[in-house]
Amino acid sequence: MENQEMVPVKEKGTSQIEELLETQNHIAPLVNIYETDNEFILYANMPGVERNQVKVKIDGNSLIMFGQIDYYNKIDKKYILNEAEIGNYFRTFKISDTVDKTNVEAKYDNGQLLVKLPKIEKARPRTIDIL
């Protein structure tokens, strides 16, 4: 994931996503989430998705992720063996009030989406001086 700039989370409408969810198969990407003192970090695996086909949106207290594959090209192949599930990637997470929703950043590189969810200042640990 190096040499890739962080980009602001896009606030795009979900009408196209909703249409694709109704007409094409979708699967939940595998995700790892961990926490640091200053932020929550989310990694989602979306192999086969081009960078311009990844959408990340904050909607209220939800983080919505969508990755569109070349669906009809994938399902029209004459597979000898197909162990991978075929579908667009879609997943929603509830996010806490401790997340600074205005500063969420996302980056996509080599089939992996990285989302940084910074904590609001009052949710970060702080050291208290002892007098």
Protein backbone atom coordinates (compact mmCIF):
# COMPACT_ATOMS: atom_id res chain seq x y z
CA MET A 1 0.00 0.00 0.00
CA GLU A 2 2.90 2.32 -0.34
CA ASN A 3 3.12 5.32 -2.66
CA GLN A 4 -0.63 5.78 -2.68
CA GLU A 5 -2.18 9.02 -1.48
CA MET A 6 -4.98 8.95 1.04
CA VAL A 7 -8.19 10.29 -0.47
CA PRO A 8 -11.25 11.70 1.30
CA VAL A 9 -14.17 9.33 1.67
CA LYS A 10 -16.59 10.02 -1.14
CA GLU A 11 -20.08 11.22 -0.28
CA LYS A 12 -21.67 9.80 -3.42
CA GLY A 13 -25.25 8.66 -3.70
CA THR A 14 -26.02 4.98 -3.35
CA SER A 15 -28.71 4.62 -6.05
CA GLN A 16 -26.33 2.88 -8.50
CA ILE A 17 -25.06 0.62 -5.70
CA GLU A 18 -28.61 -0.29 -4.65
CA GLU A 19 -29.48 -1.18 -8.25
CA LEU A 20 -26.42 -3.44 -8.57
CA LEU A 21 -27.21 -5.12 -5.23
CA GLU A 22 -30.65 -5.99 -6.59
CA THR A 23 -29.49 -7.26 -9.99
CA GLN A 24 -26.08 -8.86 -9.32
CA ASN A 25 -24.71 -11.20 -6.68
CA HIS A 26 -22.74 -9.56 -3.86
CA ILE A 27 -20.45 -10.93 -1.20
CA ALA A 28 -18.98 -9.53 2.01
CA PRO A 29 -15.27 -8.79 1.70
CA LEU A 30 -12.99 -10.28 4.34
CA VAL A 31 -12.10 -7.52 6.79
CA ASN A 32 -9.58 -6.90 9.56
CA ILE A 33 -10.16 -4.05 12.01
CA TYR A 34 -7.82 -2.87 14.73
CA GLU A 35 -7.56 0.12 17.03
CA THR A 36 -4.74 2.47 17.95
CA ASP A 37 -4.81 5.31 20.45
CA ASN A 38 -5.81 7.77 17.70
CA GLU A 39 -7.88 5.81 15.19
CA PHE A 40 -9.60 2.65 14.04
CA ILE A 41 -8.01 0.98 10.99
CA LEU A 42 -10.02 -1.22 8.63
CA TYR A 43 -8.58 -3.40 5.85
CA ALA A 44 -10.98 -5.03 3.39
CA ASN A 45 -9.90 -7.48 0.69
CA MET A 46 -11.57 -6.90 -2.68
CA PRO A 47 -9.57 -8.81 -5.30
CA GLY A 48 -10.46 -8.11 -8.91
CA VAL A 49 -11.81 -4.61 -8.26
CA GLU A 50 -10.31 -1.63 -10.08
CA ARG A 51 -9.56 1.44 -7.93
CA ASN A 52 -12.18 3.57 -9.74
CA GLN A 53 -14.86 0.97 -8.91
CA VAL A 54 -14.47 1.23 -5.11
CA LYS A 55 -16.95 3.39 -3.20
CA VAL A 56 -16.75 4.27 0.49
CA LYS A 57 -19.46 6.31 2.16
CA ILE A 58 -20.35 7.52 5.64
CA ASP A 59 -24.12 7.60 6.07
CA GLY A 60 -25.18 8.59 9.58
CA ASN A 61 -23.55 6.03 11.86
CA SER A 62 -22.77 3.60 9.05
CA LEU A 63 -19.66 3.00 6.99
CA ILE A 64 -20.65 1.55 3.60
CA MET A 65 -18.10 -0.15 1.34
CA PHE A 66 -18.75 -1.29 -2.22
CA GLY A 67 -16.42 -2.75 -4.83
CA GLN A 68 -17.71 -3.50 -8.32
CA ILE A 69 -16.17 -6.28 -10.39
CA ASP A 70 -16.64 -6.96 -14.10
CA TYR A 71 -19.58 -9.16 -13.09
CA TYR A 72 -20.92 -10.45 -16.39
CA ASN A 73 -17.43 -11.17 -17.71
CA LYS A 74 -16.74 -13.26 -14.57
CA ILE A 75 -19.97 -15.28 -14.63
CA ASP A 76 -19.89 -15.96 -18.39
CA LYS A 77 -16.62 -17.92 -18.27
CA LYS A 78 -16.64 -21.70 -18.83
CA TYR A 79 -15.04 -22.67 -15.54
CA ILE A 80 -13.30 -26.02 -15.10
CA LEU A 81 -12.95 -25.27 -11.38
CA ASN A 82 -14.31 -22.24 -9.55
CA GLU A 83 -13.73 -22.20 -5.80
CA ALA A 84 -14.11 -18.44 -5.41
CA GLU A 85 -17.52 -16.91 -4.93
CA ILE A 86 -18.36 -14.42 -7.68
CA GLY A 87 -19.96 -11.12 -6.86
CA ASN A 88 -19.53 -7.45 -6.17
CA TYR A 89 -18.24 -6.64 -2.70
CA PHE A 90 -20.57 -4.95 -0.24
CA ARG A 91 -20.41 -4.47 3.50
CA THR A 92 -21.80 -2.06 6.06
CA PHE A 93 -20.47 -1.38 9.55
CA LYS A 94 -21.98 0.65 12.36
CA ILE A 95 -19.47 3.19 13.60
CA SER A 96 -19.25 4.67 17.05
CA ASP A 97 -19.82 8.29 18.06
CA THR A 98 -16.13 8.36 18.97
CA VAL A 99 -15.22 8.46 15.25
CA ASP A 100 -14.49 11.84 13.67
CA LYS A 101 -16.69 11.27 10.60
CA THR A 102 -15.47 14.42 8.83
CA ASN A 103 -11.87 13.16 8.62
CA VAL A 104 -12.28 9.54 7.51
CA GLU A 105 -9.79 8.62 4.79
CA ALA A 106 -9.67 5.70 2.37
CA LYS A 107 -7.00 4.24 0.11
CA TYR A 108 -7.23 1.33 -2.34
CA ASP A 109 -4.25 -0.53 -3.70
CA ASN A 110 -3.61 -4.02 -5.05
CA GLY A 111 -7.05 -5.38 -4.13
CA GLN A 112 -7.05 -4.06 -0.58
CA LEU A 113 -9.08 -1.16 0.80
CA LEU A 114 -7.64 0.72 3.79
CA VAL A 115 -10.01 2.96 5.76
CA LYS A 116 -8.72 5.17 8.58
CA LEU A 117 -11.38 6.27 11.06
CA PRO A 118 -9.83 8.87 13.38
CA LYS A 119 -11.12 9.19 16.93
CA ILE A 120 -12.53 12.46 18.20
CA GLU A 121 -10.20 14.24 20.61
CA LYS A 122 -12.15 13.38 23.77
CA ALA A 123 -12.05 9.66 22.93
CA ARG A 124 -8.25 9.58 22.71
CA PRO A 125 -6.26 8.56 25.78
CA ARG A 126 -4.44 11.32 27.54
CA THR A 127 -1.82 11.49 30.24
CA ILE A 128 -2.70 13.33 33.41
CA ASP A 129 0.06 15.20 35.18
CA ILE A 130 0.36 14.39 38.86
CA LEU A 131 1.06 17.42 41.02
